[in-house]
């Protein structure tokens, strides 16, 4: 297996204050990026651990408006997705 095939499947090394959108499909990545940019304007501080949790549950969705995905999320993440959808 070449490095080009192996590397995309490897987990990223993230520090406590970091998150990434790499595992999301392109449309969902754009939606979440927009939502994070909007949240940054009205919250005191973004919490990367919270965003990482939401992203880990969204990896199977195609869009934030995917109702079947919202039903699978646990309570804190359901409210997060509703907040992201409202933005």
PDB file of N, CA and C in Angstrom:
ATOM      1  N   UNK A   1       0.848  -1.178   0.000  1.00  0.00           N
ATOM      2  CA  UNK A   1       0.000   0.000   0.000  1.00  0.00           C
ATOM      3  C   UNK A   1       0.892   1.239   0.000  1.00  0.00           C
ATOM      4  N   UNK A   2       0.559   2.186  -0.859  1.00  0.00           N
ATOM      5  CA  UNK A   2       1.361   3.406  -0.937  1.00  0.00           C
ATOM      6  C   UNK A   2       0.975   4.373   0.186  1.00  0.00           C
ATOM      7  N   UNK A   3       1.838   5.329   0.423  1.00  0.00           N
ATOM      8  CA  UNK A   3       1.584   6.349   1.450  1.00  0.00           C
ATOM      9  C   UNK A   3       0.325   7.137   1.107  1.00  0.00           C
ATOM     10  N   UNK A   4       0.115   7.424  -0.166  1.00  0.00           N
ATOM     11  CA  UNK A   4      -1.058   8.193  -0.603  1.00  0.00           C
ATOM     12  C   UNK A   4      -2.358   7.463  -0.276  1.00  0.00           C
ATOM     13  N   UNK A   5      -2.355   6.144  -0.284  1.00  0.00           N
ATOM     14  CA  UNK A   5      -3.546   5.370   0.071  1.00  0.00           C
ATOM     15  C   UNK A   5      -3.673   5.212   1.582  1.00  0.00           C
ATOM     16  N   UNK A   6      -2.549   5.104   2.263  1.00  0.00           N
ATOM     17  CA  UNK A   6      -2.549   4.837   3.693  1.00  0.00           C
ATOM     18  C   UNK A   6      -2.871   6.081   4.518  1.00  0.00           C
ATOM     19  N   UNK A   7      -2.295   7.218   4.164  1.00  0.00           N
ATOM     20  CA  UNK A   7      -2.381   8.433   4.980  1.00  0.00           C
ATOM     21  C   UNK A   7      -3.799   8.940   5.244  1.00  0.00           C
ATOM     22  N   UNK A   8      -4.703   8.980   4.256  1.00  0.00           N
ATOM     23  CA  UNK A   8      -6.036   9.526   4.540  1.00  0.00           C
ATOM     24  C   UNK A   8      -6.814   8.748   5.603  1.00  0.00           C
ATOM     25  N   UNK A   9      -6.510   7.505   5.794  1.00  0.00           N
ATOM     26  CA  UNK A   9      -7.237   6.709   6.778  1.00  0.00           C
ATOM     27  C   UNK A   9      -6.688   6.791   8.182  1.00  0.00           C
ATOM     28  N   UNK A  10      -5.588   7.502   8.366  1.00  0.00           N
ATOM     29  CA  UNK A  10      -4.968   7.594   9.681  1.00  0.00           C
ATOM     30  C   UNK A  10      -5.605   8.713  10.500  1.00  0.00           C
ATOM     31  N   UNK A  11      -5.787   8.491  11.804  1.00  0.00           N
ATOM     32  CA  UNK A  11      -6.376   9.550  12.643  1.00  0.00           C
ATOM     33  C   UNK A  11      -5.417  10.738  12.761  1.00  0.00           C
ATOM     34  N   UNK A  12      -5.983  11.922  12.799  1.00  0.00           N
ATOM     35  CA  UNK A  12      -5.176  13.121  12.968  1.00  0.00           C
ATOM     36  C   UNK A  12      -4.799  13.285  14.430  1.00  0.00           C
ATOM     37  N   UNK A  13      -3.633  13.814  14.676  1.00  0.00           N
ATOM     38  CA  UNK A  13      -3.198  14.114  16.034  1.00  0.00           C
ATOM     39  C   UNK A  13      -3.671  15.519  16.370  1.00  0.00           C
ATOM     40  N   UNK A  14      -4.565  15.616  17.334  1.00  0.00           N
ATOM     41  CA  UNK A  14      -5.112  16.916  17.712  1.00  0.00           C
ATOM     42  C   UNK A  14      -4.820  17.203  19.174  1.00  0.00           C
ATOM     43  N   UNK A  15      -4.481  18.433  19.460  1.00  0.00           N
ATOM     44  CA  UNK A  15      -4.335  18.870  20.835  1.00  0.00           C
ATOM     45  C   UNK A  15      -5.721  19.212  21.391  1.00  0.00           C
ATOM     46  N   UNK A  16      -5.812  19.451  22.686  1.00  0.00           N
ATOM     47  CA  UNK A  16      -7.102  19.687  23.340  1.00  0.00           C
ATOM     48  C   UNK A  16      -7.845  20.892  22.774  1.00  0.00           C
ATOM     49  N   UNK A  17      -7.143  21.869  22.255  1.00  0.00           N
ATOM     50  CA  UNK A  17      -7.774  23.092  21.758  1.00  0.00           C
ATOM     51  C   UNK A  17      -8.027  23.059  20.253  1.00  0.00           C
ATOM     52  N   UNK A  18      -7.955  21.881  19.626  1.00  0.00           N
ATOM     53  CA  UNK A  18      -8.098  21.782  18.179  1.00  0.00           C
ATOM     54  C   UNK A  18      -9.241  20.857  17.788  1.00  0.00           C
ATOM     55  N   UNK A  19      -9.774  21.068  16.583  1.00  0.00           N
ATOM     56  CA  UNK A  19     -10.723  20.152  15.967  1.00  0.00           C
ATOM     57  C   UNK A  19     -10.513  20.241  14.463  1.00  0.00           C
ATOM     58  N   UNK A  20     -11.047  19.286  13.725  1.00  0.00           N
ATOM     59  CA  UNK A  20     -10.914  19.314  12.273  1.00  0.00           C
ATOM     60  C   UNK A  20     -12.209  18.834  11.638  1.00  0.00           C
ATOM     61  N   UNK A  21     -12.424  19.245  10.409  1.00  0.00           N
ATOM     62  CA  UNK A  21     -13.631  18.887   9.677  1.00  0.00           C
ATOM     63  C   UNK A  21     -13.351  17.853   8.588  1.00  0.00           C
ATOM     64  N   UNK A  22     -12.156  17.303   8.571  1.00  0.00           N
ATOM     65  CA  UNK A  22     -11.724  16.395   7.507  1.00  0.00           C
ATOM     66  C   UNK A  22     -12.632  15.180   7.303  1.00  0.00           C
ATOM     67  N   UNK A  23     -13.201  14.563   8.350  1.00  0.00           N
ATOM     68  CA  UNK A  23     -13.999  13.362   8.088  1.00  0.00           C
ATOM     69  C   UNK A  23     -15.374  13.629   7.477  1.00  0.00           C
ATOM     70  N   UNK A  24     -15.761  14.892   7.356  1.00  0.00           N
ATOM     71  CA  UNK A  24     -17.091  15.220   6.857  1.00  0.00           C
ATOM     72  C   UNK A  24     -17.110  15.307   5.339  1.00  0.00           C
ATOM     73  N   UNK A  25     -18.239  14.936   4.714  1.00  0.00           N
ATOM     74  CA  UNK A  25     -18.385  15.143   3.266  1.00  0.00           C
ATOM     75  C   UNK A  25     -18.325  16.640   2.956  1.00  0.00           C
ATOM     76  N   UNK A  26     -18.025  16.970   1.717  1.00  0.00           N
ATOM     77  CA  UNK A  26     -17.767  18.360   1.349  1.00  0.00           C
ATOM     78  C   UNK A  26     -18.911  19.321   1.692  1.00  0.00           C
ATOM     79  N   UNK A  27     -20.153  18.973   1.350  1.00  0.00           N
ATOM     80  CA  UNK A  27     -21.287  19.849   1.644  1.00  0.00           C
ATOM     81  C   UNK A  27     -21.440  20.058   3.146  1.00  0.00           C
ATOM     82  N   UNK A  28     -21.370  18.992   3.903  1.00  0.00           N
ATOM     83  CA  UNK A  28     -21.506  19.082   5.357  1.00  0.00           C
ATOM     84  C   UNK A  28     -20.348  19.864   5.960  1.00  0.00           C
ATOM     85  N   UNK A  29     -19.157  19.691   5.426  1.00  0.00           N
ATOM     86  CA  UNK A  29     -17.996  20.443   5.908  1.00  0.00           C
ATOM     87  C   UNK A  29     -18.228  21.941   5.741  1.00  0.00           C
ATOM     88  N   UNK A  30     -18.780  22.341   4.605  1.00  0.00           N
ATOM     89  CA  UNK A  30     -19.072  23.765   4.371  1.00  0.00           C
ATOM     90  C   UNK A  30     -20.145  24.269   5.330  1.00  0.00           C
ATOM     91  N   UNK A  31     -21.176  23.455   5.565  1.00  0.00           N
ATOM     92  CA  UNK A  31     -22.246  23.852   6.484  1.00  0.00           C
ATOM     93  C   UNK A  31     -21.717  24.019   7.908  1.00  0.00           C
ATOM     94  N   UNK A  32     -20.917  23.069   8.355  1.00  0.00           N
ATOM     95  CA  UNK A  32     -20.386  23.133   9.720  1.00  0.00           C
ATOM     96  C   UNK A  32     -19.394  24.288   9.847  1.00  0.00           C
ATOM     97  N   UNK A  33     -18.570  24.495   8.839  1.00  0.00           N
ATOM     98  CA  UNK A  33     -17.627  25.611   8.880  1.00  0.00           C
ATOM     99  C   UNK A  33     -18.373  26.933   8.987  1.00  0.00           C
ATOM    100  N   UNK A  34     -19.430  27.097   8.198  1.00  0.00           N
ATOM    101  CA  UNK A  34     -20.236  28.319   8.279  1.00  0.00           C
ATOM    102  C   UNK A  34     -20.846  28.459   9.682  1.00  0.00           C
ATOM    103  N   UNK A  35     -21.381  27.373  10.210  1.00  0.00           N
ATOM    104  CA  UNK A  35     -21.995  27.417  11.534  1.00  0.00           C
ATOM    105  C   UNK A  35     -20.973  27.779  12.612  1.00  0.00           C
ATOM    106  N   UNK A  36     -19.785  27.219  12.532  1.00  0.00           N
ATOM    107  CA  UNK A  36     -18.739  27.530  13.519  1.00  0.00           C
ATOM    108  C   UNK A  36     -18.343  28.997  13.401  1.00  0.00           C
ATOM    109  N   UNK A  37     -18.249  29.509  12.186  1.00  0.00           N
ATOM    110  CA  UNK A  37     -17.933  30.925  12.010  1.00  0.00           C
ATOM    111  C   UNK A  37     -19.014  31.806  12.626  1.00  0.00           C
ATOM    112  N   UNK A  38     -20.275  31.431  12.461  1.00  0.00           N
ATOM    113  CA  UNK A  38     -21.372  32.207  13.042  1.00  0.00           C
ATOM    114  C   UNK A  38     -21.375  32.097  14.562  1.00  0.00           C
ATOM    115  N   UNK A  39     -21.134  30.896  15.076  1.00  0.00           N
ATOM    116  CA  UNK A  39     -21.090  30.702  16.541  1.00  0.00           C
ATOM    117  C   UNK A  39     -19.982  31.542  17.153  1.00  0.00           C
ATOM    118  N   UNK A  40     -18.872  31.653  16.451  1.00  0.00           N
ATOM    119  CA  UNK A  40     -17.728  32.414  16.955  1.00  0.00           C
ATOM    120  C   UNK A  40     -18.099  33.862  17.225  1.00  0.00           C
ATOM    121  N   UNK A  41     -19.106  34.373  16.552  1.00  0.00           N
ATOM    122  CA  UNK A  41     -19.519  35.762  16.736  1.00  0.00           C
ATOM    123  C   UNK A  41     -20.369  35.963  17.989  1.00  0.00           C
ATOM    124  N   UNK A  42     -21.056  34.907  18.471  1.00  0.00           N
ATOM    125  CA  UNK A  42     -21.984  35.130  19.576  1.00  0.00           C
ATOM    126  C   UNK A  42     -21.738  34.272  20.814  1.00  0.00           C
ATOM    127  N   UNK A  43     -20.695  33.494  20.835  1.00  0.00           N
ATOM    128  CA  UNK A  43     -20.348  32.781  22.074  1.00  0.00           C
ATOM    129  C   UNK A  43     -19.022  33.306  22.585  1.00  0.00           C
ATOM    130  N   UNK A  44     -18.856  33.214  23.891  1.00  0.00           N
ATOM    131  CA  UNK A  44     -17.617  33.711  24.493  1.00  0.00           C
ATOM    132  C   UNK A  44     -16.408  32.935  24.008  1.00  0.00           C
ATOM    133  N   UNK A  45     -16.550  31.609  23.993  1.00  0.00           N
ATOM    134  CA  UNK A  45     -15.428  30.766  23.577  1.00  0.00           C
ATOM    135  C   UNK A  45     -15.970  29.495  22.939  1.00  0.00           C
ATOM    136  N   UNK A  46     -15.385  29.114  21.822  1.00  0.00           N
ATOM    137  CA  UNK A  46     -15.738  27.836  21.208  1.00  0.00           C
ATOM    138  C   UNK A  46     -15.114  26.720  22.030  1.00  0.00           C
ATOM    139  N   UNK A  47     -15.820  25.639  22.180  1.00  0.00           N
ATOM    140  CA  UNK A  47     -15.303  24.507  22.934  1.00  0.00           C
ATOM    141  C   UNK A  47     -14.980  23.385  21.959  1.00  0.00           C
ATOM    142  N   UNK A  48     -13.699  23.215  21.650  1.00  0.00           N
ATOM    143  CA  UNK A  48     -13.313  22.212  20.656  1.00  0.00           C
ATOM    144  C   UNK A  48     -13.781  20.797  20.998  1.00  0.00           C
ATOM    145  N   UNK A  49     -13.792  20.430  22.270  1.00  0.00           N
ATOM    146  CA  UNK A  49     -14.247  19.070  22.620  1.00  0.00           C
ATOM    147  C   UNK A  49     -15.715  18.882  22.268  1.00  0.00           C
ATOM    148  N   UNK A  50     -16.518  19.915  22.407  1.00  0.00           N
ATOM    149  CA  UNK A  50     -17.932  19.855  22.044  1.00  0.00           C
ATOM    150  C   UNK A  50     -18.076  19.720  20.528  1.00  0.00           C
ATOM    151  N   UNK A  51     -17.303  20.525  19.791  1.00  0.00           N
ATOM    152  CA  UNK A  51     -17.362  20.480  18.329  1.00  0.00           C
ATOM    153  C   UNK A  51     -16.868  19.132  17.820  1.00  0.00           C
ATOM    154  N   UNK A  52     -15.804  18.590  18.425  1.00  0.00           N
ATOM    155  CA  UNK A  52     -15.313  17.269  18.024  1.00  0.00           C
ATOM    156  C   UNK A  52     -16.374  16.206  18.232  1.00  0.00           C
ATOM    157  N   UNK A  53     -17.115  16.293  19.330  1.00  0.00           N
ATOM    158  CA  UNK A  53     -18.191  15.329  19.593  1.00  0.00           C
ATOM    159  C   UNK A  53     -19.290  15.398  18.553  1.00  0.00           C
ATOM    160  N   UNK A  54     -19.674  16.600  18.188  1.00  0.00           N
ATOM    161  CA  UNK A  54     -20.709  16.775  17.163  1.00  0.00           C
ATOM    162  C   UNK A  54     -20.207  16.238  15.828  1.00  0.00           C
ATOM    163  N   UNK A  55     -18.982  16.576  15.466  1.00  0.00           N
ATOM    164  CA  UNK A  55     -18.419  16.125  14.188  1.00  0.00           C
ATOM    165  C   UNK A  55     -18.357  14.604  14.127  1.00  0.00           C
ATOM    166  N   UNK A  56     -17.995  13.962  15.233  1.00  0.00           N
ATOM    167  CA  UNK A  56     -17.904  12.500  15.219  1.00  0.00           C
ATOM    168  C   UNK A  56     -19.258  11.855  14.956  1.00  0.00           C
ATOM    169  N   UNK A  57     -20.347  12.506  15.358  1.00  0.00           N
ATOM    170  CA  UNK A  57     -21.681  11.971  15.104  1.00  0.00           C
ATOM    171  C   UNK A  57     -22.208  12.326  13.717  1.00  0.00           C
ATOM    172  N   UNK A  58     -21.608  13.309  13.082  1.00  0.00           N
ATOM    173  CA  UNK A  58     -22.096  13.762  11.776  1.00  0.00           C
ATOM    174  C   UNK A  58     -21.402  13.076  10.602  1.00  0.00           C
ATOM    175  N   UNK A  59     -20.424  12.234  10.858  1.00  0.00           N
ATOM    176  CA  UNK A  59     -19.626  11.674   9.761  1.00  0.00           C
ATOM    177  C   UNK A  59     -20.448  10.836   8.782  1.00  0.00           C
ATOM    178  N   UNK A  60     -21.600  10.319   9.207  1.00  0.00           N
ATOM    179  CA  UNK A  60     -22.419   9.509   8.299  1.00  0.00           C
ATOM    180  C   UNK A  60     -23.503  10.321   7.593  1.00  0.00           C
ATOM    181  N   UNK A  61     -23.636  11.588   7.942  1.00  0.00           N
ATOM    182  CA  UNK A  61     -24.670  12.434   7.336  1.00  0.00           C
ATOM    183  C   UNK A  61     -24.147  13.086   6.064  1.00  0.00           C
ATOM    184  N   UNK A  62     -25.059  13.514   5.216  1.00  0.00           N
ATOM    185  CA  UNK A  62     -24.695  14.251   4.008  1.00  0.00           C
ATOM    186  C   UNK A  62     -24.883  15.747   4.193  1.00  0.00           C
ATOM    187  N   UNK A  63     -25.791  16.109   5.100  1.00  0.00           N
ATOM    188  CA  UNK A  63     -26.111  17.518   5.344  1.00  0.00           C
ATOM    189  C   UNK A  63     -26.644  17.660   6.763  1.00  0.00           C
ATOM    190  N   UNK A  64     -26.600  18.876   7.300  1.00  0.00           N
ATOM    191  CA  UNK A  64     -27.144  19.115   8.638  1.00  0.00           C
ATOM    192  C   UNK A  64     -28.655  18.907   8.671  1.00  0.00           C
ATOM    193  N   UNK A  65     -29.288  18.983   7.539  1.00  0.00           N
ATOM    194  CA  UNK A  65     -30.738  18.854   7.481  1.00  0.00           C
ATOM    195  C   UNK A  65     -31.202  17.405   7.397  1.00  0.00           C
ATOM    196  N   UNK A  66     -30.270  16.457   7.515  1.00  0.00           N
ATOM    197  CA  UNK A  66     -30.585  15.032   7.473  1.00  0.00           C
ATOM    198  C   UNK A  66     -31.272  14.643   8.788  1.00  0.00           C
ATOM    199  N   UNK A  67     -32.585  14.512   8.776  1.00  0.00           N
ATOM    200  CA  UNK A  67     -33.362  14.243   9.986  1.00  0.00           C
ATOM    201  C   UNK A  67     -33.016  12.896  10.606  1.00  0.00           C
ATOM    202  N   UNK A  68     -32.675  11.898   9.805  1.00  0.00           N
ATOM    203  CA  UNK A  68     -32.358  10.586  10.374  1.00  0.00           C
ATOM    204  C   UNK A  68     -31.079  10.655  11.186  1.00  0.00           C
ATOM    205  N   UNK A  69     -30.162  11.528  10.828  1.00  0.00           N
ATOM    206  CA  UNK A  69     -28.927  11.680  11.590  1.00  0.00           C
ATOM    207  C   UNK A  69     -29.217  12.323  12.934  1.00  0.00           C
ATOM    208  N   UNK A  70     -30.057  13.337  12.971  1.00  0.00           N
ATOM    209  CA  UNK A  70     -30.365  14.034  14.223  1.00  0.00           C
ATOM    210  C   UNK A  70     -30.993  13.083  15.232  1.00  0.00           C
ATOM    211  N   UNK A  71     -31.767  12.126  14.758  1.00  0.00           N
ATOM    212  CA  UNK A  71     -32.429  11.183  15.662  1.00  0.00           C
ATOM    213  C   UNK A  71     -31.427  10.260  16.360  1.00  0.00           C
ATOM    214  N   UNK A  72     -30.276  10.021  15.751  1.00  0.00           N
ATOM    215  CA  UNK A  72     -29.270   9.128  16.336  1.00  0.00           C
ATOM    216  C   UNK A  72     -28.411   9.813  17.387  1.00  0.00           C
ATOM    217  N   UNK A  73     -28.391  11.118  17.416  1.00  0.00           N
ATOM    218  CA  UNK A  73     -27.502  11.835  18.314  1.00  0.00           C
ATOM    219  C   UNK A  73     -28.001  11.785  19.751  1.00  0.00           C
ATOM    220  N   UNK A  74     -27.055  11.835  20.703  1.00  0.00           N
ATOM    221  CA  UNK A  74     -27.477  11.912  22.096  1.00  0.00           C
ATOM    222  C   UNK A  74     -27.967  13.326  22.395  1.00  0.00           C
ATOM    223  N   UNK A  75     -28.587  13.523  23.529  1.00  0.00           N
ATOM    224  CA  UNK A  75     -29.268  14.795  23.831  1.00  0.00           C
ATOM    225  C   UNK A  75     -28.411  16.048  23.643  1.00  0.00           C
ATOM    226  N   UNK A  76     -27.191  16.117  24.192  1.00  0.00           N
ATOM    227  CA  UNK A  76     -26.425  17.358  23.994  1.00  0.00           C
ATOM    228  C   UNK A  76     -26.133  17.634  22.526  1.00  0.00           C
ATOM    229  N   UNK A  77     -25.858  16.586  21.757  1.00  0.00           N
ATOM    230  CA  UNK A  77     -25.529  16.803  20.357  1.00  0.00           C
ATOM    231  C   UNK A  77     -26.769  17.101  19.525  1.00  0.00           C
ATOM    232  N   UNK A  78     -27.935  16.614  19.927  1.00  0.00           N
ATOM    233  CA  UNK A  78     -29.167  16.967  19.213  1.00  0.00           C
ATOM    234  C   UNK A  78     -29.384  18.472  19.281  1.00  0.00           C
ATOM    235  N   UNK A  79     -29.194  19.047  20.451  1.00  0.00           N
ATOM    236  CA  UNK A  79     -29.391  20.490  20.580  1.00  0.00           C
ATOM    237  C   UNK A  79     -28.326  21.250  19.796  1.00  0.00           C
ATOM    238  N   UNK A  80     -27.126  20.714  19.728  1.00  0.00           N
ATOM    239  CA  UNK A  80     -26.062  21.360  18.963  1.00  0.00           C
ATOM    240  C   UNK A  80     -26.407  21.373  17.489  1.00  0.00           C
ATOM    241  N   UNK A  81     -26.901  20.256  16.975  1.00  0.00           N
ATOM    242  CA  UNK A  81     -27.264  20.196  15.561  1.00  0.00           C
ATOM    243  C   UNK A  81     -28.434  21.128  15.280  1.00  0.00           C
ATOM    244  N   UNK A  82     -29.408  21.195  16.192  1.00  0.00           N
ATOM    245  CA  UNK A  82     -30.524  22.139  16.001  1.00  0.00           C
ATOM    246  C   UNK A  82     -29.997  23.568  15.941  1.00  0.00           C
ATOM    247  N   UNK A  83     -29.035  23.897  16.814  1.00  0.00           N
ATOM    248  CA  UNK A  83     -28.452  25.223  16.805  1.00  0.00           C
ATOM    249  C   UNK A  83     -27.747  25.485  15.485  1.00  0.00           C
ATOM    250  N   UNK A  84     -26.976  24.509  15.009  1.00  0.00           N
ATOM    251  CA  UNK A  84     -26.267  24.661  13.736  1.00  0.00           C
ATOM    252  C   UNK A  84     -27.252  24.820  12.590  1.00  0.00           C
ATOM    253  N   UNK A  85     -28.342  24.047  12.610  1.00  0.00           N
ATOM    254  CA  UNK A  85     -29.360  24.150  11.550  1.00  0.00           C
ATOM    255  C   UNK A  85     -29.989  25.533  11.542  1.00  0.00           C
ATOM    256  N   UNK A  86     -30.221  26.110  12.728  1.00  0.00           N
ATOM    257  CA  UNK A  86     -30.867  27.421  12.809  1.00  0.00           C
ATOM    258  C   UNK A  86     -29.978  28.543  12.315  1.00  0.00           C
ATOM    259  N   UNK A  87     -28.684  28.320  12.316  1.00  0.00           N
ATOM    260  CA  UNK A  87     -27.771  29.366  11.821  1.00  0.00           C
ATOM    261  C   UNK A  87     -27.881  29.461  10.325  1.00  0.00           C
TER     262      UNK A  87
END
